[in-house]
C-alpha atoms as a PDB file:
ATOM      1  CA  UNK A   1     -13.536 -11.188   0.379  1.00  0.00           C
ATOM      2  CA  UNK A   2     -12.717  -8.773  -2.559  1.00  0.00           C
ATOM      3  CA  UNK A   3     -13.483  -5.394  -1.009  1.00  0.00           C
ATOM      4  CA  UNK A   4     -10.299  -3.786  -2.295  1.00  0.00           C
ATOM      5  CA  UNK A   5     -10.079  -5.704  -5.634  1.00  0.00           C
ATOM      6  CA  UNK A   6      -8.621  -3.144  -8.163  1.00  0.00           C
ATOM      7  CA  UNK A   7      -7.353  -0.960  -5.412  1.00  0.00           C
ATOM      8  CA  UNK A   8      -3.763  -0.047  -4.514  1.00  0.00           C
ATOM      9  CA  UNK A   9      -2.558   1.144  -1.032  1.00  0.00           C
ATOM     10  CA  UNK A  10       0.892   2.715  -0.991  1.00  0.00           C
ATOM     11  CA  UNK A  11       2.696   3.251   2.292  1.00  0.00           C
ATOM     12  CA  UNK A  12       5.578   5.294   3.415  1.00  0.00           C
ATOM     13  CA  UNK A  13       8.077   3.229   5.313  1.00  0.00           C
ATOM     14  CA  UNK A  14       9.922   5.147   8.034  1.00  0.00           C
ATOM     15  CA  UNK A  15       7.421   6.470  10.656  1.00  0.00           C
ATOM     16  CA  UNK A  16       4.428   4.880   8.993  1.00  0.00           C
ATOM     17  CA  UNK A  17       5.086   1.068   8.882  1.00  0.00           C
ATOM     18  CA  UNK A  18       8.179   0.892  11.059  1.00  0.00           C
ATOM     19  CA  UNK A  19       9.704   2.975  13.939  1.00  0.00           C
ATOM     20  CA  UNK A  20      13.078   3.208  12.471  1.00  0.00           C
ATOM     21  CA  UNK A  21      14.078   6.134  14.566  1.00  0.00           C
ATOM     22  CA  UNK A  22      16.327   4.107  17.074  1.00  0.00           C
ATOM     23  CA  UNK A  23      18.601   2.792  14.297  1.00  0.00           C
ATOM     24  CA  UNK A  24      18.580   6.010  12.266  1.00  0.00           C
ATOM     25  CA  UNK A  25      19.585   7.839  15.471  1.00  0.00           C
ATOM     26  CA  UNK A  26      22.487   5.303  16.110  1.00  0.00           C
ATOM     27  CA  UNK A  27      23.647   5.722  12.499  1.00  0.00           C
ATOM     28  CA  UNK A  28      23.418   9.569  12.552  1.00  0.00           C
ATOM     29  CA  UNK A  29      25.204   9.747  15.935  1.00  0.00           C
ATOM     30  CA  UNK A  30      27.974   7.322  14.686  1.00  0.00           C
ATOM     31  CA  UNK A  31      28.555  10.016  11.930  1.00  0.00           C
ATOM     32  CA  UNK A  32      28.335  13.063  14.289  1.00  0.00           C
ATOM     33  CA  UNK A  33      30.574  11.481  16.803  1.00  0.00           C
ATOM     34  CA  UNK A  34      33.232  10.727  14.043  1.00  0.00           C
ATOM     35  CA  UNK A  35      33.110  14.558  13.340  1.00  0.00           C
ATOM     36  CA  UNK A  36      33.651  15.341  17.022  1.00  0.00           C
ATOM     37  CA  UNK A  37      30.109  16.581  17.411  1.00  0.00           C
ATOM     38  CA  UNK A  38      27.718  15.764  20.263  1.00  0.00           C
ATOM     39  CA  UNK A  39      25.043  12.969  19.757  1.00  0.00           C
ATOM     40  CA  UNK A  40      21.567  13.878  19.293  1.00  0.00           C
ATOM     41  CA  UNK A  41      18.580  12.491  21.276  1.00  0.00           C
ATOM     42  CA  UNK A  42      16.151  10.188  19.481  1.00  0.00           C
ATOM     43  CA  UNK A  43      13.372  12.761  19.946  1.00  0.00           C
ATOM     44  CA  UNK A  44      15.396  15.301  17.952  1.00  0.00           C
ATOM     45  CA  UNK A  45      16.306  12.918  15.160  1.00  0.00           C
ATOM     46  CA  UNK A  46      12.561  11.885  14.710  1.00  0.00           C
ATOM     47  CA  UNK A  47      11.929  15.464  13.513  1.00  0.00           C
ATOM     48  CA  UNK A  48      14.768  15.302  10.991  1.00  0.00           C
ATOM     49  CA  UNK A  49      13.750  12.127   9.185  1.00  0.00           C
ATOM     50  CA  UNK A  50      11.750  11.948   5.934  1.00  0.00           C
ATOM     51  CA  UNK A  51      13.899  13.307   3.083  1.00  0.00           C
ATOM     52  CA  UNK A  52      16.542  10.508   3.002  1.00  0.00           C
ATOM     53  CA  UNK A  53      19.849   9.954   4.463  1.00  0.00           C
ATOM     54  CA  UNK A  54      21.721  12.911   2.868  1.00  0.00           C
ATOM     55  CA  UNK A  55      19.070  15.341   4.063  1.00  0.00           C
ATOM     56  CA  UNK A  56      19.222  13.576   7.636  1.00  0.00           C
ATOM     57  CA  UNK A  57      23.031  14.154   7.824  1.00  0.00           C
ATOM     58  CA  UNK A  58      22.711  17.720   6.564  1.00  0.00           C
ATOM     59  CA  UNK A  59      19.971  18.542   9.165  1.00  0.00           C
ATOM     60  CA  UNK A  60      21.898  16.816  11.895  1.00  0.00           C
ATOM     61  CA  UNK A  61      25.161  18.729  11.037  1.00  0.00           C
ATOM     62  CA  UNK A  62      23.225  21.995  10.625  1.00  0.00           C
ATOM     63  CA  UNK A  63      21.591  21.930  14.130  1.00  0.00           C
ATOM     64  CA  UNK A  64      24.213  24.711  15.080  1.00  0.00           C
ATOM     65  CA  UNK A  65      24.369  26.204  11.575  1.00  0.00           C
ATOM     66  CA  UNK A  66      27.196  24.313  10.133  1.00  0.00           C
ATOM     67  CA  UNK A  67      26.997  23.543   6.266  1.00  0.00           C
ATOM     68  CA  UNK A  68      29.404  20.855   5.076  1.00  0.00           C
ATOM     69  CA  UNK A  69      30.989  20.990   1.693  1.00  0.00           C
ATOM     70  CA  UNK A  70      29.853  18.517  -1.005  1.00  0.00           C
ATOM     71  CA  UNK A  71      33.001  16.202  -0.656  1.00  0.00           C
ATOM     72  CA  UNK A  72      32.624  16.324   3.253  1.00  0.00           C
ATOM     73  CA  UNK A  73      28.902  15.399   2.894  1.00  0.00           C
ATOM     74  CA  UNK A  74      29.640  12.586   0.478  1.00  0.00           C
ATOM     75  CA  UNK A  75      32.246  11.069   3.041  1.00  0.00           C
ATOM     76  CA  UNK A  76      29.713  11.367   5.854  1.00  0.00           C
ATOM     77  CA  UNK A  77      27.002   9.859   3.745  1.00  0.00           C
ATOM     78  CA  UNK A  78      29.117   6.858   2.833  1.00  0.00           C
ATOM     79  CA  UNK A  79      29.859   6.323   6.577  1.00  0.00           C
ATOM     80  CA  UNK A  80      26.375   6.670   7.534  1.00  0.00           C
ATOM     81  CA  UNK A  81      25.100   4.218   4.867  1.00  0.00           C
ATOM     82  CA  UNK A  82      27.813   1.682   5.870  1.00  0.00           C
ATOM     83  CA  UNK A  83      26.977   1.774   9.457  1.00  0.00           C
ATOM     84  CA  UNK A  84      23.232   1.837   8.947  1.00  0.00           C
ATOM     85  CA  UNK A  85      23.331  -1.023   6.347  1.00  0.00           C
ATOM     86  CA  UNK A  86      24.960  -3.259   9.064  1.00  0.00           C
ATOM     87  CA  UNK A  87      22.386  -2.150  11.857  1.00  0.00           C
ATOM     88  CA  UNK A  88      19.263  -1.444   9.814  1.00  0.00           C
ATOM     89  CA  UNK A  89      17.017  -3.560  12.116  1.00  0.00           C
ATOM     90  CA  UNK A  90      18.729  -3.769  15.479  1.00  0.00           C
ATOM     91  CA  UNK A  91      16.084  -1.747  17.213  1.00  0.00           C
ATOM     92  CA  UNK A  92      13.654  -0.858  14.642  1.00  0.00           C
ATOM     93  CA  UNK A  93      10.094  -2.130  15.200  1.00  0.00           C
ATOM     94  CA  UNK A  94       6.963  -2.540  13.387  1.00  0.00           C
ATOM     95  CA  UNK A  95       4.309  -0.149  14.693  1.00  0.00           C
ATOM     96  CA  UNK A  96       1.332  -1.761  16.504  1.00  0.00           C
ATOM     97  CA  UNK A  97      -1.376  -3.082  14.324  1.00  0.00           C
ATOM     98  CA  UNK A  98       0.527  -2.877  11.063  1.00  0.00           C
ATOM     99  CA  UNK A  99       1.020  -6.707  10.396  1.00  0.00           C
ATOM    100  CA  UNK A 100      -2.628  -7.562  11.080  1.00  0.00           C
ATOM    101  CA  UNK A 101      -3.886  -4.563   9.084  1.00  0.00           C
ATOM    102  CA  UNK A 102      -1.828  -5.461   6.103  1.00  0.00           C
ATOM    103  CA  UNK A 103      -2.987  -8.996   6.234  1.00  0.00           C
ATOM    104  CA  UNK A 104      -6.646  -7.580   6.351  1.00  0.00           C
ATOM    105  CA  UNK A 105      -6.047  -5.575   3.210  1.00  0.00           C
ATOM    106  CA  UNK A 106      -4.288  -8.401   1.327  1.00  0.00           C
ATOM    107  CA  UNK A 107      -7.087 -10.965   2.175  1.00  0.00           C
ATOM    108  CA  UNK A 108      -9.456  -8.485   0.596  1.00  0.00           C
ATOM    109  CA  UNK A 109      -7.341  -8.486  -2.561  1.00  0.00           C
ATOM    110  CA  UNK A 110      -5.768  -5.018  -2.251  1.00  0.00           C
ATOM    111  CA  UNK A 111      -2.456  -4.404  -3.893  1.00  0.00           C
ATOM    112  CA  UNK A 112       0.179  -3.031  -1.432  1.00  0.00           C
ATOM    113  CA  UNK A 113       3.109  -0.994  -2.218  1.00  0.00           C
ATOM    114  CA  UNK A 114       5.976   1.066  -0.451  1.00  0.00           C
ATOM    115  CA  UNK A 115       7.146   4.511  -1.595  1.00  0.00           C
ATOM    116  CA  UNK A 116       9.987   5.718   0.385  1.00  0.00           C
ATOM    117  CA  UNK A 117      12.987   8.065   0.312  1.00  0.00           C
ATOM    118  CA  UNK A 118      15.045   5.404   1.909  1.00  0.00           C
ATOM    119  CA  UNK A 119      17.380   3.605  -0.585  1.00  0.00           C
ATOM    120  CA  UNK A 120      15.597   0.644  -2.074  1.00  0.00           C
ATOM    121  CA  UNK A 121      18.323  -1.972  -0.919  1.00  0.00           C
ATOM    122  CA  UNK A 122      17.957  -0.748   2.624  1.00  0.00           C
ATOM    123  CA  UNK A 123      14.216  -0.696   2.499  1.00  0.00           C
ATOM    124  CA  UNK A 124      14.089  -4.192   1.349  1.00  0.00           C
ATOM    125  CA  UNK A 125      16.776  -5.420   3.938  1.00  0.00           C
ATOM    126  CA  UNK A 126      14.695  -3.753   6.668  1.00  0.00           C
ATOM    127  CA  UNK A 127      11.457  -5.392   5.478  1.00  0.00           C
ATOM    128  CA  UNK A 128      13.087  -8.655   5.118  1.00  0.00           C
ATOM    129  CA  UNK A 129      14.634  -8.485   8.680  1.00  0.00           C
ATOM    130  CA  UNK A 130      11.152  -7.568   9.974  1.00  0.00           C
ATOM    131  CA  UNK A 131       9.426 -10.367   7.924  1.00  0.00           C
ATOM    132  CA  UNK A 132       7.380  -7.912   5.994  1.00  0.00           C
ATOM    133  CA  UNK A 133       8.680  -8.068   2.427  1.00  0.00           C
ATOM    134  CA  UNK A 134       6.086 -10.514   1.234  1.00  0.00           C
ATOM    135  CA  UNK A 135       3.264  -8.135   1.888  1.00  0.00           C
ATOM    136  CA  UNK A 136       4.309  -5.821  -1.026  1.00  0.00           C
ATOM    137  CA  UNK A 137       3.837  -5.966  -4.759  1.00  0.00           C
ATOM    138  CA  UNK A 138       6.184  -3.183  -5.276  1.00  0.00           C
ATOM    139  CA  UNK A 139       8.807  -1.333  -3.196  1.00  0.00           C
ATOM    140  CA  UNK A 140      10.391   1.835  -4.630  1.00  0.00           C
ATOM    141  CA  UNK A 141      13.033   3.835  -2.774  1.00  0.00           C
ATOM    142  CA  UNK A 142      14.915   7.072  -3.267  1.00  0.00           C
ATOM    143  CA  UNK A 143      17.087   5.445  -5.994  1.00  0.00           C
ATOM    144  CA  UNK A 144      14.477   3.585  -7.954  1.00  0.00           C
ATOM    145  CA  UNK A 145      13.794   6.486 -10.259  1.00  0.00           C
ATOM    146  CA  UNK A 146      15.544   9.809 -11.408  1.00  0.00           C
ATOM    147  CA  UNK A 147      12.969  11.389  -8.979  1.00  0.00           C
ATOM    148  CA  UNK A 148      11.669  10.828  -5.510  1.00  0.00           C
ATOM    149  CA  UNK A 149       9.012  12.097  -3.119  1.00  0.00           C
ATOM    150  CA  UNK A 150       7.490  14.767  -3.140  1.00  0.00           C
ATOM    151  CA  UNK A 151       7.769  14.281  -6.973  1.00  0.00           C
ATOM    152  CA  UNK A 152       4.360  12.633  -7.793  1.00  0.00           C
ATOM    153  CA  UNK A 153       6.027  10.319 -10.321  1.00  0.00           C
ATOM    154  CA  UNK A 154       7.581   8.415  -7.460  1.00  0.00           C
ATOM    155  CA  UNK A 155       4.119   7.479  -6.074  1.00  0.00           C
ATOM    156  CA  UNK A 156       2.469   6.977  -9.529  1.00  0.00           C
ATOM    157  CA  UNK A 157       5.141   4.643 -10.477  1.00  0.00           C
ATOM    158  CA  UNK A 158       4.951   2.659  -7.216  1.00  0.00           C
ATOM    159  CA  UNK A 159       1.267   2.127  -7.921  1.00  0.00           C
ATOM    160  CA  UNK A 160       1.954   0.965 -11.524  1.00  0.00           C
ATOM    161  CA  UNK A 161       4.618  -1.323 -10.612  1.00  0.00           C
ATOM    162  CA  UNK A 162       2.228  -2.904  -7.942  1.00  0.00           C
ATOM    163  CA  UNK A 163      -0.017  -3.643 -11.004  1.00  0.00           C
ATOM    164  CA  UNK A 164      -2.430  -0.809  -9.947  1.00  0.00           C
ATOM    165  CA  UNK A 165      -4.190   2.226 -11.440  1.00  0.00           C
ATOM    166  CA  UNK A 166      -3.552   5.655  -9.959  1.00  0.00           C
ATOM    167  CA  UNK A 167      -7.131   6.336 -10.365  1.00  0.00           C
ATOM    168  CA  UNK A 168      -7.812   3.626  -7.837  1.00  0.00           C
ATOM    169  CA  UNK A 169      -5.366   4.173  -5.164  1.00  0.00           C
ATOM    170  CA  UNK A 170      -4.594   5.819  -1.787  1.00  0.00           C
ATOM    171  CA  UNK A 171      -1.453   6.935  -0.055  1.00  0.00           C
ATOM    172  CA  UNK A 172      -0.669   6.394   3.643  1.00  0.00           C
ATOM    173  CA  UNK A 173       2.112   8.438   5.239  1.00  0.00           C
ATOM    174  CA  UNK A 174       3.320  10.376   8.266  1.00  0.00           C
ATOM    175  CA  UNK A 175       4.786  13.765   6.860  1.00  0.00           C
ATOM    176  CA  UNK A 176       4.303  16.678   4.650  1.00  0.00           C
ATOM    177  CA  UNK A 177       6.391  14.969   2.106  1.00  0.00           C
ATOM    178  CA  UNK A 178       3.893  12.226   1.870  1.00  0.00           C
ATOM    179  CA  UNK A 179       0.792  14.427   1.836  1.00  0.00           C
ATOM    180  CA  UNK A 180       2.486  16.715  -0.713  1.00  0.00           C
ATOM    181  CA  UNK A 181       3.348  13.912  -2.930  1.00  0.00           C
ATOM    182  CA  UNK A 182      -0.211  12.400  -2.928  1.00  0.00           C
ATOM    183  CA  UNK A 183      -1.835  15.794  -3.491  1.00  0.00           C
ATOM    184  CA  UNK A 184       0.652  16.419  -6.583  1.00  0.00           C
ATOM    185  CA  UNK A 185      -0.423  12.942  -7.950  1.00  0.00           C
ATOM    186  CA  UNK A 186      -4.134  13.694  -7.204  1.00  0.00           C
ATOM    187  CA  UNK A 187      -4.357  10.699  -4.906  1.00  0.00           C
ATOM    188  CA  UNK A 188      -6.266  10.668  -1.630  1.00  0.00           C
ATOM    189  CA  UNK A 189      -4.024  10.429   1.421  1.00  0.00           C
ATOM    190  CA  UNK A 190      -4.326   9.243   5.081  1.00  0.00           C
ATOM    191  CA  UNK A 191      -1.860  10.631   7.508  1.00  0.00           C
ATOM    192  CA  UNK A 192      -0.738   8.915  10.847  1.00  0.00           C
ATOM    193  CA  UNK A 193      -0.088  10.792  13.890  1.00  0.00           C
ATOM    194  CA  UNK A 194       2.533   8.488  15.461  1.00  0.00           C
ATOM    195  CA  UNK A 195       5.368   9.123  12.831  1.00  0.00           C
ATOM    196  CA  UNK A 196       8.027  11.714  12.400  1.00  0.00           C
ATOM    197  CA  UNK A 197       6.350  14.981  11.311  1.00  0.00           C
ATOM    198  CA  UNK A 198       7.764  18.052  12.836  1.00  0.00           C
ATOM    199  CA  UNK A 199       4.583  19.856  11.862  1.00  0.00           C
ATOM    200  CA  UNK A 200       1.355  18.890  13.578  1.00  0.00           C
ATOM    201  CA  UNK A 201      -0.143  16.218  11.480  1.00  0.00           C
ATOM    202  CA  UNK A 202      -3.620  17.667  11.544  1.00  0.00           C
ATOM    203  CA  UNK A 203      -2.139  20.731   9.822  1.00  0.00           C
ATOM    204  CA  UNK A 204      -0.654  18.745   6.789  1.00  0.00           C
ATOM    205  CA  UNK A 205      -3.920  18.757   4.834  1.00  0.00           C
ATOM    206  CA  UNK A 206      -4.403  14.909   4.560  1.00  0.00           C
ATOM    207  CA  UNK A 207      -7.891  13.730   3.813  1.00  0.00           C
ATOM    208  CA  UNK A 208      -8.069  11.671   7.040  1.00  0.00           C
ATOM    209  CA  UNK A 209      -5.821  11.593  10.047  1.00  0.00           C
ATOM    210  CA  UNK A 210      -5.604   8.515  12.161  1.00  0.00           C
ATOM    211  CA  UNK A 211      -3.981   7.856  15.613  1.00  0.00           C
ATOM    212  CA  UNK A 212      -3.592   4.099  15.303  1.00  0.00           C
ATOM    213  CA  UNK A 213      -2.650   1.973  12.273  1.00  0.00           C
ATOM    214  CA  UNK A 214      -5.447  -0.417  12.576  1.00  0.00           C
ATOM    215  CA  UNK A 215      -7.914   2.520  12.138  1.00  0.00           C
ATOM    216  CA  UNK A 216      -7.246   2.259   8.393  1.00  0.00           C
ATOM    217  CA  UNK A 217      -9.530  -0.673   8.108  1.00  0.00           C
ATOM    218  CA  UNK A 218     -12.492   1.669   9.282  1.00  0.00           C
ATOM    219  CA  UNK A 219     -11.538   4.826   7.379  1.00  0.00           C
ATOM    220  CA  UNK A 220     -10.454   3.557   3.948  1.00  0.00           C
ATOM    221  CA  UNK A 221     -13.853   2.218   2.850  1.00  0.00           C
ATOM    222  CA  UNK A 222     -15.287   5.561   3.711  1.00  0.00           C
ATOM    223  CA  UNK A 223     -12.447   7.458   1.919  1.00  0.00           C
ATOM    224  CA  UNK A 224     -12.620   5.268  -1.177  1.00  0.00           C
ATOM    225  CA  UNK A 225     -16.515   5.042  -0.948  1.00  0.00           C
ATOM    226  CA  UNK A 226     -16.602   1.317  -0.733  1.00  0.00           C
ATOM    227  CA  UNK A 227     -19.306  -0.809   0.798  1.00  0.00           C
ATOM    228  CA  UNK A 228     -17.728  -3.091   3.583  1.00  0.00           C
ATOM    229  CA  UNK A 229     -20.765  -5.357   3.070  1.00  0.00           C
ATOM    230  CA  UNK A 230     -20.333  -5.534  -0.649  1.00  0.00           C
END
């Protein structure tokens, strides 16, 4: 089938394709404990994810109002990335329905990409560990370009590197960052409710909100105005 021929579907990674909160929590707590600070519960960390490791550390350290200096932040970031790099997929898991849904789109000739604020190397390592890397034509992380989400160029360049056209693309994410990026790029966006948004997902302004990943196979033809029988 060729329902999605000529279309590109770009996904956020953390909170959209993969539940990375357990390993991100472990890495952040490793840093916090090294600073003599109490560990955070995974439920707290889920609401801090989405803007990259540096922001995660700043938010984690700032729970009680503390603002680290730049040299201090850089030391903590180095420790975080070292620990996380060695434990990137210990407890992270693909969300239910993701693998079958990605297969569904690929067999119908969609181009798939990942646009994430996680560093590219860590993103590819995670996807490799979870046997997902082969699904995607392009994976652009926080260090792939001089800009990153919510700058629209991050998304547009992901589409282009996947071999697609921004005029025939859609973004799938879980946060305000993803929705804002897609809006700035003038690209339709689907938001999932099972990710890491601190704001209720229905308030983010996505074109469509879904509660399960496999619902994408039902909503995308309608959003893109495709004929499933065609």
